[in-house]
Amino acid sequence: MAAFEYIALNGRGREEKGVLEADSSRQVRQILRDRGLAPLSVSATRERQQQATGAGWWRWLRASLSIRDLALITRQLATLIAAGLPVEEALLAVSRQTESTRSRTMLATVRSRVMEGYSLASSLADYPRAFPELYRATVAAGESAGHLDLVLERLADYTESRYEARQRIVQALVYPVVLFFLTVIILASLLGYVVPDIVEVFSDSGQELPALTRFIIGASDFVQNWGLMLLLVIICLVVAATQALRVPAFRLAYDRRLLRLPLVGKLSRGTNTAQFASTLSILSSSGVPLVEAMNISGKVLTNRWLQRQVSEATGRVSEGASLSTALDQGGYFPPIMLHMIASGESSGELDGMLARVANYVQKDVESLLAVLLSLFGPLMLLFMGGAVFTIVMAILLPIINLNQLVF
């Protein structure tokens, strides 16, 4: 059976959309007529995806899932499979449970592939952006080992922890970011509209203005004459930098320099280390061979230079070196991580030790990030208050001097 998307008219003349499984589009049309619907269009979901290959960004948008949706689908699948339901029935139940049309279409297509005899991992490969390589490799290991429910539970825990961490960061950044943009708008308004009106009053008095006032007047003239041009230059620089980071050589050099910066480098190293250790732990405990697990885990890293270090370490492991020794030669991984991995290798508990490493490093990164974010808000308040105070003093100083001349 295959999955088909349909558009039909109900008895009230309104359009209804959905997904049905059938042997052919003719059977789908008959099912719709039996339900009292007038079919307008019926198309196989896989054919629709293939027809959308020239649709650019729209194709990529439809073929992806948010972390929240992926975590929810994984948790539901793990619960149903652990309860003894076959994979195809679990997929059907989850597809009916979800409210997202995109998720329902994906799950229906995956279920049709499973019913054709394909494995769940290979069926998920039709949507690589929705189900990344880490996800598919872990599912494949669970299927081969016969512990798909346990593997899906681990994947659900991992995906939910990623979603919660991202949510905490976004929530912590909302206030500082809003405050920053408000500061920029207030300063631009003061320099562009308020200060020029005050300058006219001062120019008529003929007195010598204080240095601070002359500086603010110069800044106001610059904003009036070149403010729009400065904004366009900043936008062009951001776009140029984004395009430059897509060049592999430039991105590699950028990521390498990023690791040497005091705070940013520590955050980048810690985040990537935690992600690498957590991914490697999940894959290794699911039965994936260590070399293959390292190859997949290396692709999860966002820092290209660390990706190269993991790739080189993978080559050393394939040649017979231990994991701790191979990672130590790169010189970019924390010493505590290397010692814990060495301890796990010697005791035969590498999977559990990798999970501990990931948990320890992730907590360290979160605590550092929490401190930085907690300081960002007050610093922005100080910056905004200092900037407004400077402008106000630049306006008040000539008035005070003028009053002293009068008396």
Protein backbone atom coordinates (compact mmCIF):
# COMPACT_ATOMS: atom_id res chain seq x y z
CA MET A 1 0.00 0.00 0.00
CA ALA A 2 1.11 3.58 -0.66
CA ALA A 3 0.25 6.90 0.95
CA PHE A 4 -1.78 9.43 -1.04
CA GLU A 5 -2.57 13.06 -0.37
CA TYR A 6 -6.03 14.20 -1.39
CA ILE A 7 -8.09 17.37 -1.74
CA ALA A 8 -11.87 16.88 -1.76
CA LEU A 9 -15.11 18.81 -1.34
CA ASN A 10 -17.48 17.92 1.47
CA GLY A 11 -21.27 18.25 1.43
CA ARG A 12 -21.06 21.94 2.31
CA GLY A 13 -18.75 22.70 -0.60
CA ARG A 14 -15.66 23.22 1.55
CA GLU A 15 -12.25 21.76 0.75
CA GLU A 16 -10.82 19.02 2.94
CA LYS A 17 -7.21 17.81 2.82
CA GLY A 18 -5.69 14.66 4.22
CA VAL A 19 -3.66 11.50 3.69
CA LEU A 20 -4.99 8.01 2.94
CA GLU A 21 -3.30 4.68 2.34
CA ALA A 22 -4.48 2.56 -0.56
CA ASP A 23 -3.24 0.39 -3.43
CA SER A 24 -3.95 3.03 -6.07
CA SER A 25 -5.27 6.54 -6.54
CA ARG A 26 -8.50 5.04 -7.96
CA GLN A 27 -9.11 3.24 -4.68
CA VAL A 28 -8.52 6.50 -2.79
CA ARG A 29 -11.13 8.24 -4.93
CA GLN A 30 -13.60 5.44 -4.22
CA ILE A 31 -12.96 5.67 -0.49
CA LEU A 32 -13.57 9.42 -0.62
CA ARG A 33 -16.84 8.94 -2.52
CA ASP A 34 -17.96 6.37 0.05
CA ARG A 35 -17.37 9.01 2.70
CA GLY A 36 -19.55 11.51 0.85
CA LEU A 37 -16.63 13.58 -0.47
CA ALA A 38 -16.03 14.73 -4.03
CA PRO A 39 -12.31 14.18 -4.85
CA LEU A 40 -10.55 17.05 -6.59
CA SER A 41 -6.98 15.76 -6.67
CA VAL A 42 -5.16 12.65 -5.46
CA SER A 43 -1.38 12.23 -5.60
CA ALA A 44 1.14 9.86 -4.06
CA THR A 45 3.17 11.56 -1.36
CA ARG A 46 6.47 10.25 -2.68
CA GLU A 47 5.66 11.43 -6.21
CA ARG A 48 4.71 14.81 -4.80
CA GLN A 49 8.09 15.06 -3.11
CA GLN A 50 9.84 14.12 -6.34
CA GLN A 51 7.84 16.70 -8.28
CA ALA A 52 8.93 19.32 -5.76
CA THR A 53 12.64 18.81 -6.38
CA GLY A 54 12.77 22.03 -8.38
CA ALA A 55 10.84 24.02 -5.78
CA GLY A 56 13.95 25.07 -3.86
CA TRP A 57 13.35 26.30 -0.35
CA TRP A 58 9.72 25.09 -0.33
CA ARG A 59 10.87 21.51 -0.79
CA TRP A 60 13.37 21.81 2.05
CA LEU A 61 10.77 23.44 4.30
CA ARG A 62 8.22 20.66 3.78
CA ALA A 63 10.84 17.93 4.27
CA SER A 64 11.89 19.01 7.77
CA LEU A 65 10.60 18.73 11.32
CA SER A 66 11.12 20.93 14.34
CA ILE A 67 13.00 19.48 17.30
CA ARG A 68 9.80 19.62 19.34
CA ASP A 69 7.82 17.60 16.77
CA LEU A 70 10.65 15.09 16.35
CA ALA A 71 10.90 14.58 20.12
CA LEU A 72 7.13 14.10 20.42
CA ILE A 73 6.96 11.62 17.52
CA THR A 74 9.92 9.65 18.88
CA ARG A 75 8.45 9.45 22.38
CA GLN A 76 5.09 8.27 21.05
CA LEU A 77 6.71 5.64 18.81
CA ALA A 78 8.85 4.37 21.70
CA THR A 79 5.80 4.08 23.98
CA LEU A 80 3.67 2.24 21.41
CA ILE A 81 6.42 -0.15 20.31
CA ALA A 82 7.28 -0.90 23.95
CA ALA A 83 3.59 -1.74 24.46
CA GLY A 84 3.90 -4.48 21.83
CA LEU A 85 2.43 -2.79 18.73
CA PRO A 86 4.02 -3.60 15.35
CA VAL A 87 5.98 -0.77 13.76
CA GLU A 88 3.42 -0.09 11.02
CA GLU A 89 0.55 0.12 13.55
CA ALA A 90 2.60 2.43 15.78
CA LEU A 91 3.31 4.70 12.82
CA LEU A 92 -0.39 4.73 11.92
CA ALA A 93 -1.39 5.63 15.49
CA VAL A 94 1.18 8.43 15.71
CA SER A 95 0.19 9.83 12.31
CA ARG A 96 -3.44 9.99 13.45
CA GLN A 97 -2.40 11.60 16.73
CA THR A 98 -0.38 14.46 15.25
CA GLU A 99 -2.13 17.68 14.25
CA SER A 100 0.52 18.72 11.72
CA THR A 101 -0.31 17.90 8.11
CA ARG A 102 3.38 17.80 7.25
CA SER A 103 4.14 15.28 10.03
CA ARG A 104 1.10 13.20 9.09
CA THR A 105 2.24 13.05 5.45
CA MET A 106 5.77 12.02 6.41
CA LEU A 107 4.60 9.30 8.79
CA ALA A 108 2.11 7.95 6.25
CA THR A 109 4.86 7.73 3.62
CA VAL A 110 7.24 6.03 6.07
CA ARG A 111 4.50 3.55 7.05
CA SER A 112 3.80 2.69 3.41
CA ARG A 113 7.50 1.96 2.91
CA VAL A 114 7.58 -0.24 6.02
CA MET A 115 4.56 -2.18 4.76
CA GLU A 116 6.36 -2.70 1.44
CA GLY A 117 9.07 -4.58 3.35
CA TYR A 118 11.66 -1.90 3.99
CA SER A 119 13.19 -1.38 7.42
CA LEU A 120 12.16 1.60 9.52
CA ALA A 121 15.63 3.19 9.22
CA SER A 122 15.68 2.96 5.42
CA SER A 123 12.10 4.27 5.28
CA LEU A 124 13.09 7.29 7.36
CA ALA A 125 15.88 8.01 4.84
CA ASP A 126 13.26 9.47 2.47
CA TYR A 127 13.27 12.52 4.77
CA PRO A 128 16.93 13.16 5.67
CA ARG A 129 16.28 16.67 6.99
CA ALA A 130 13.49 15.50 9.28
CA PHE A 131 15.34 12.40 10.48
CA PRO A 132 19.12 13.11 10.48
CA GLU A 133 21.84 10.51 10.05
CA LEU A 134 22.31 10.11 13.80
CA TYR A 135 18.63 9.28 14.18
CA ARG A 136 18.56 6.78 11.31
CA ALA A 137 21.78 5.04 12.35
CA THR A 138 20.53 4.61 15.90
CA VAL A 139 17.19 3.23 14.69
CA ALA A 140 19.01 0.81 12.37
CA ALA A 141 21.16 -0.41 15.27
CA GLY A 142 18.07 -0.88 17.42
CA GLU A 143 16.32 -2.86 14.68
CA SER A 144 19.31 -5.14 14.16
CA ALA A 145 19.74 -5.72 17.91
CA GLY A 146 16.03 -6.23 18.54
CA HIS A 147 15.78 -3.38 21.06
CA LEU A 148 14.03 -0.72 18.98
CA ASP A 149 11.86 0.45 21.89
CA LEU A 150 14.87 1.09 24.16
CA VAL A 151 16.76 2.86 21.37
CA LEU A 152 13.78 5.09 20.62
CA GLU A 153 13.53 5.93 24.34
CA ARG A 154 17.17 7.08 24.29
CA LEU A 155 16.56 9.09 21.14
CA ALA A 156 13.51 10.70 22.70
CA ASP A 157 15.48 11.65 25.82
CA TYR A 158 18.30 13.06 23.69
CA THR A 159 15.97 15.05 21.42
CA GLU A 160 13.95 16.41 24.35
CA SER A 161 17.10 17.52 26.17
CA ARG A 162 18.24 19.36 23.04
CA TYR A 163 14.85 21.04 22.74
CA GLU A 164 14.81 22.08 26.41
CA ALA A 165 18.35 23.48 26.21
CA ARG A 166 17.47 25.50 23.13
CA GLN A 167 14.30 26.81 24.79
CA ARG A 168 16.25 27.95 27.86
CA ILE A 169 18.72 29.83 25.71
CA VAL A 170 15.98 31.48 23.65
CA GLN A 171 14.06 32.52 26.77
CA ALA A 172 17.21 33.96 28.33
CA LEU A 173 18.02 35.94 25.17
CA VAL A 174 14.59 37.49 24.64
CA TYR A 175 14.96 40.29 27.19
CA PRO A 176 18.56 41.35 26.29
CA VAL A 177 17.85 41.29 22.54
CA VAL A 178 14.67 43.37 22.90
CA LEU A 179 16.56 45.78 25.15
CA PHE A 180 19.37 46.08 22.62
CA PHE A 181 17.05 46.97 19.74
CA LEU A 182 15.16 49.44 21.93
CA THR A 183 18.48 51.07 22.82
CA VAL A 184 19.45 51.41 19.17
CA ILE A 185 16.03 52.88 18.26
CA ILE A 186 16.11 55.37 21.15
CA LEU A 187 19.64 56.54 20.37
CA ALA A 188 18.89 56.87 16.66
CA SER A 189 15.76 58.90 17.44
CA LEU A 190 17.59 61.19 19.85
CA LEU A 191 20.52 61.79 17.50
CA GLY A 192 18.39 62.07 14.38
CA TYR A 193 15.48 64.22 15.58
CA VAL A 194 15.95 65.66 19.08
CA VAL A 195 19.56 66.87 18.98
CA PRO A 196 19.24 68.80 15.67
CA ASP A 197 16.39 70.92 17.11
CA ILE A 198 18.46 71.73 20.19
CA VAL A 199 21.47 72.64 18.05
CA GLU A 200 19.52 75.41 16.34
CA VAL A 201 18.90 77.04 19.73
CA PHE A 202 22.59 76.83 20.64
CA SER A 203 23.77 78.17 17.28
CA ASP A 204 21.69 81.34 17.76
CA SER A 205 23.30 82.04 21.17
CA GLY A 206 26.78 82.38 19.65
CA GLN A 207 28.52 80.85 22.68
CA GLU A 208 31.32 78.29 22.53
CA LEU A 209 29.90 74.84 23.07
CA PRO A 210 31.44 72.23 25.43
CA ALA A 211 33.46 69.39 23.93
CA LEU A 212 30.81 66.81 24.86
CA THR A 213 28.11 68.82 23.10
CA ARG A 214 30.26 69.22 19.97
CA PHE A 215 30.85 65.46 19.98
CA ILE A 216 27.11 64.69 20.21
CA ILE A 217 26.38 67.22 17.46
CA GLY A 218 28.96 65.50 15.25
CA ALA A 219 27.38 62.12 15.99
CA SER A 220 23.95 63.56 15.15
CA ASP A 221 25.21 64.94 11.83
CA PHE A 222 26.74 61.57 11.02
CA VAL A 223 23.48 59.74 11.78
CA GLN A 224 21.48 62.19 9.66
CA ASN A 225 23.85 62.15 6.69
CA TRP A 226 25.22 58.61 6.77
CA GLY A 227 22.87 56.63 9.03
CA LEU A 228 21.02 54.88 6.22
CA MET A 229 24.27 54.19 4.39
CA LEU A 230 25.80 52.75 7.57
CA LEU A 231 22.81 50.44 7.98
CA LEU A 232 23.17 49.23 4.38
CA VAL A 233 26.91 48.66 4.90
CA ILE A 234 26.23 46.60 8.04
CA ILE A 235 23.64 44.50 6.18
CA CYS A 236 26.06 43.96 3.27
CA LEU A 237 28.85 42.94 5.69
CA VAL A 238 26.55 40.45 7.42
CA VAL A 239 25.49 38.95 4.09
CA ALA A 240 29.10 38.83 2.87
CA ALA A 241 30.24 37.15 6.07
CA THR A 242 27.43 34.60 5.79
CA GLN A 243 28.40 33.79 2.23
CA ALA A 244 32.09 33.59 3.16
CA LEU A 245 31.34 31.07 5.91
CA ARG A 246 29.91 28.76 3.24
CA VAL A 247 33.37 28.46 1.68
CA PRO A 248 34.94 25.35 3.29
CA ALA A 249 38.47 26.78 3.63
CA PHE A 250 37.26 30.06 5.13
CA ARG A 251 34.85 28.30 7.50
CA LEU A 252 37.62 25.95 8.64
CA ALA A 253 39.96 28.85 9.42
CA TYR A 254 37.17 30.78 11.14
CA ASP A 255 36.21 27.85 13.39
CA ARG A 256 39.84 27.26 14.29
CA ARG A 257 40.31 30.89 15.37
CA LEU A 258 36.99 30.78 17.21
CA LEU A 259 38.29 28.05 19.50
CA ARG A 260 41.15 30.33 20.62
CA LEU A 261 38.91 33.15 21.86
CA PRO A 262 38.60 33.36 25.69
CA LEU A 263 34.88 32.86 26.38
CA VAL A 264 33.42 32.14 22.96
CA GLY A 265 36.04 29.45 22.35
CA LYS A 266 35.23 27.74 25.64
CA LEU A 267 31.52 27.77 24.85
CA SER A 268 32.06 26.41 21.34
CA ARG A 269 34.44 23.70 22.54
CA GLY A 270 32.17 22.70 25.41
CA THR A 271 28.99 22.60 23.32
CA ASN A 272 30.60 20.52 20.57
CA THR A 273 32.31 18.21 23.07
CA ALA A 274 29.04 17.52 24.90
CA GLN A 275 27.22 16.89 21.62
CA PHE A 276 29.96 14.55 20.39
CA ALA A 277 30.11 12.56 23.63
CA SER A 278 26.32 12.27 23.91
CA THR A 279 25.93 11.16 20.29
CA LEU A 280 28.79 8.67 20.56
CA SER A 281 27.29 7.26 23.75
CA ILE A 282 23.87 6.72 22.16
CA LEU A 283 25.30 5.08 19.05
CA SER A 284 27.82 2.92 20.90
CA SER A 285 25.26 1.70 23.46
CA SER A 286 22.86 0.91 20.60
CA GLY A 287 25.31 -1.51 19.03
CA VAL A 288 26.88 0.68 16.35
CA PRO A 289 30.61 -0.12 15.85
CA LEU A 290 32.92 2.49 17.37
CA VAL A 291 34.51 3.64 14.10
CA GLU A 292 31.14 4.05 12.40
CA ALA A 293 29.76 5.76 15.51
CA MET A 294 32.67 8.23 15.47
CA ASN A 295 32.07 8.99 11.78
CA ILE A 296 28.42 9.80 12.46
CA SER A 297 29.15 11.72 15.68
CA GLY A 298 31.75 13.85 13.93
CA LYS A 299 29.18 15.01 11.38
CA VAL A 300 26.94 16.25 14.20
CA LEU A 301 29.54 18.82 15.31
CA THR A 302 28.99 22.42 14.23
CA ASN A 303 32.66 23.42 14.44
CA ARG A 304 34.41 22.32 11.23
CA TRP A 305 37.87 22.29 12.83
CA LEU A 306 36.69 19.92 15.54
CA GLN A 307 35.06 17.85 12.79
CA ARG A 308 38.49 17.48 11.19
CA GLN A 309 40.04 16.51 14.54
CA VAL A 310 37.38 13.83 15.08
CA SER A 311 37.88 12.56 11.51
CA GLU A 312 41.62 12.21 12.11
CA ALA A 313 40.95 10.53 15.46
CA THR A 314 38.59 8.10 13.72
CA GLY A 315 41.40 7.12 11.38
CA ARG A 316 43.69 6.45 14.36
CA VAL A 317 41.02 4.33 16.07
CA SER A 318 40.52 2.29 12.89
CA GLU A 319 44.28 1.66 12.91
CA GLY A 320 44.12 0.24 16.45
CA ALA A 321 44.59 3.23 18.74
CA SER A 322 42.37 3.73 21.78
CA LEU A 323 39.68 6.40 21.72
CA SER A 324 41.27 8.50 24.46
CA THR A 325 44.69 8.41 22.80
CA ALA A 326 43.26 9.28 19.39
CA LEU A 327 41.34 12.28 20.75
CA ASP A 328 44.27 13.43 22.89
CA GLN A 329 46.54 13.88 19.86
CA GLY A 330 44.24 16.60 18.51
CA GLY A 331 44.76 18.74 21.62
CA TYR A 332 41.30 20.35 21.52
CA PHE A 333 39.28 18.13 23.84
CA PRO A 334 39.10 18.80 27.62
CA PRO A 335 41.55 16.75 29.72
CA ILE A 336 38.79 15.59 32.07
CA MET A 337 36.93 14.14 29.09
CA LEU A 338 40.02 12.23 27.96
CA HIS A 339 40.68 10.85 31.47
CA MET A 340 37.06 9.72 31.87
CA ILE A 341 37.09 8.05 28.45
CA ALA A 342 40.36 6.28 29.30
CA SER A 343 38.81 5.09 32.57
CA GLY A 344 35.74 3.84 30.70
CA GLU A 345 37.90 1.95 28.19
CA SER A 346 39.93 0.26 30.91
CA SER A 347 36.84 -0.72 32.91
CA GLY A 348 34.77 -1.76 29.88
CA GLU A 349 32.09 0.85 30.60
CA LEU A 350 32.81 3.28 27.78
CA ASP A 351 29.12 3.90 26.97
CA GLY A 352 28.24 4.95 30.51
CA MET A 353 31.38 7.06 30.85
CA LEU A 354 30.63 8.89 27.60
CA ALA A 355 27.15 9.70 28.91
CA ARG A 356 28.70 11.07 32.12
CA VAL A 357 31.16 13.16 30.11
CA ALA A 358 28.34 14.61 28.02
CA ASN A 359 26.30 15.41 31.13
CA TYR A 360 29.25 17.01 32.94
CA VAL A 361 30.39 19.14 30.00
CA GLN A 362 26.82 20.18 29.15
CA LYS A 363 26.19 21.36 32.73
CA ASP A 364 29.49 23.26 32.70
CA VAL A 365 28.54 25.01 29.44
CA GLU A 366 25.03 25.80 30.69
CA SER A 367 26.35 27.32 33.91
CA LEU A 368 28.82 29.51 32.01
CA LEU A 369 26.15 30.50 29.51
CA ALA A 370 23.71 31.32 32.33
CA VAL A 371 26.28 33.65 33.92
CA LEU A 372 26.98 35.42 30.64
CA LEU A 373 23.29 35.82 29.84
CA SER A 374 22.54 37.09 33.35
CA LEU A 375 25.24 39.75 32.89
CA PHE A 376 24.10 40.71 29.40
CA GLY A 377 20.82 42.27 30.55
CA PRO A 378 22.34 44.60 33.22
CA LEU A 379 25.16 45.55 30.85
CA MET A 380 22.63 46.56 28.21
CA LEU A 381 20.77 48.63 30.82
CA LEU A 382 24.00 50.34 31.79
CA PHE A 383 24.84 50.99 28.14
CA MET A 384 21.41 52.43 27.39
CA GLY A 385 21.39 54.53 30.56
CA GLY A 386 24.92 55.78 29.94
CA ALA A 387 24.18 56.71 26.33
CA VAL A 388 20.98 58.58 27.20
CA PHE A 389 22.71 60.30 30.15
CA THR A 390 25.54 61.42 27.85
CA ILE A 391 23.11 62.95 25.35
CA VAL A 392 21.13 64.68 28.11
CA MET A 393 24.31 66.12 29.65
CA ALA A 394 25.47 67.30 26.23
CA ILE A 395 22.20 69.24 25.95
CA LEU A 396 22.19 70.55 29.53
CA LEU A 397 25.81 71.77 29.69
CA PRO A 398 25.34 74.67 27.19
CA ILE A 399 22.11 75.66 28.99
CA ILE A 400 23.93 75.74 32.34
CA ASN A 401 26.78 77.79 30.85
CA LEU A 402 24.28 80.19 29.30
CA ASN A 403 22.53 80.72 32.65
CA GLN A 404 25.87 81.44 34.30
CA LEU A 405 26.67 84.09 31.66
CA VAL A 406 23.29 85.73 32.27
CA PHE A 407 23.80 85.94 36.03
